[in-house]
Amino acid sequence: MSKVLVNIPEEYLQAVDEAAQEQHRTRSELIREAIRKIYYRPRRTPEEQARIEKVGRRIDRLRGEWKEPFDSSKIIREMRDSR
């Protein structure tokens, strides 16, 4: 495995160190995983990407139409009470 010297802002390093400590991992493991997730994820076709973006626009539109705070407990209660 190769070694690399990289300059990063101090706040990034602090965030990496905190995450590594919380997850009981090394700094190197965390950085390797981040690189894997960015560069080795499955690639989407243009059609898949277009569908994802279309769904995102629909979600944004619906979010804009929602007038009251979302309360999942209230919705579940209403569904149970309607039985």
Protein backbone atom coordinates (compact mmCIF):
# COMPACT_ATOMS: atom_id res chain seq x y z
CA MET A 1 0.00 0.00 0.00
CA SER A 2 1.32 3.46 -0.88
CA LYS A 3 1.70 6.34 1.54
CA VAL A 4 0.64 9.87 0.59
CA LEU A 5 1.27 13.20 2.27
CA VAL A 6 -1.77 15.46 1.95
CA ASN A 7 -2.37 18.99 3.22
CA ILE A 8 -5.90 19.56 4.52
CA PRO A 9 -7.47 22.27 6.65
CA GLU A 10 -7.25 21.72 10.39
CA GLU A 11 -11.05 21.61 10.82
CA TYR A 12 -11.27 18.76 8.27
CA LEU A 13 -8.64 16.81 10.16
CA GLN A 14 -10.48 17.38 13.45
CA ALA A 15 -13.71 16.10 11.89
CA VAL A 16 -11.95 13.01 10.53
CA ASP A 17 -10.29 12.31 13.87
CA GLU A 18 -13.58 12.68 15.76
CA ALA A 19 -15.39 10.36 13.36
CA ALA A 20 -12.57 7.82 13.51
CA GLN A 21 -12.63 7.85 17.30
CA GLU A 22 -16.43 7.48 17.43
CA GLN A 23 -16.27 4.55 15.01
CA HIS A 24 -13.20 2.94 16.65
CA ARG A 25 -11.26 3.14 13.38
CA THR A 26 -8.04 4.69 12.22
CA ARG A 27 -7.83 7.95 10.34
CA SER A 28 -6.47 6.04 7.34
CA GLU A 29 -9.38 3.60 7.31
CA LEU A 30 -11.87 6.45 7.34
CA ILE A 31 -10.15 8.30 4.50
CA ARG A 32 -9.84 5.11 2.41
CA GLU A 33 -13.55 4.45 2.83
CA ALA A 34 -14.43 8.02 1.80
CA ILE A 35 -12.34 7.64 -1.35
CA ARG A 36 -13.97 4.27 -2.13
CA LYS A 37 -17.45 5.76 -1.73
CA ILE A 38 -16.66 8.65 -4.06
CA TYR A 39 -14.74 6.89 -6.81
CA TYR A 40 -15.91 3.30 -6.72
CA ARG A 41 -19.64 3.72 -6.46
CA PRO A 42 -21.81 2.32 -9.25
CA ARG A 43 -22.07 4.74 -12.15
CA ARG A 44 -25.54 5.82 -13.25
CA THR A 45 -26.67 5.93 -16.83
CA PRO A 46 -27.91 9.30 -18.11
CA GLU A 47 -31.46 7.88 -18.06
CA GLU A 48 -31.14 6.83 -14.41
CA GLN A 49 -29.72 10.22 -13.47
CA ALA A 50 -32.59 11.97 -15.29
CA ARG A 51 -35.17 9.87 -13.39
CA ILE A 52 -33.48 10.64 -10.06
CA GLU A 53 -33.45 14.36 -10.83
CA LYS A 54 -37.12 14.21 -11.87
CA VAL A 55 -38.06 12.58 -8.55
CA GLY A 56 -36.01 15.21 -6.70
CA ARG A 57 -37.94 17.99 -8.45
CA ARG A 58 -41.24 16.32 -7.53
CA ILE A 59 -40.18 16.05 -3.89
CA ASP A 60 -39.16 19.73 -3.88
CA ARG A 61 -42.54 20.69 -5.37
CA LEU A 62 -44.46 18.63 -2.80
CA ARG A 63 -42.35 20.05 0.01
CA GLY A 64 -43.34 23.53 -1.15
CA GLU A 65 -47.03 22.58 -1.17
CA TRP A 66 -46.97 21.20 2.40
CA LYS A 67 -48.45 23.90 4.63
CA GLU A 68 -48.15 22.48 8.15
CA PRO A 69 -45.32 20.85 10.10
CA PHE A 70 -45.03 17.13 9.33
CA ASP A 71 -46.06 14.97 12.26
CA SER A 72 -45.79 11.26 11.47
CA SER A 73 -47.32 10.31 14.84
CA LYS A 74 -50.46 12.29 14.00
CA ILE A 75 -50.79 10.55 10.63
CA ILE A 76 -50.33 7.11 12.20
CA ARG A 77 -52.95 7.91 14.89
CA GLU A 78 -55.41 9.05 12.22
CA MET A 79 -54.83 5.86 10.22
CA ARG A 80 -55.37 3.68 13.31
CA ASP A 81 -58.47 5.61 14.36
CA SER A 82 -60.01 5.23 10.91
CA ARG A 83 -60.01 1.42 11.11
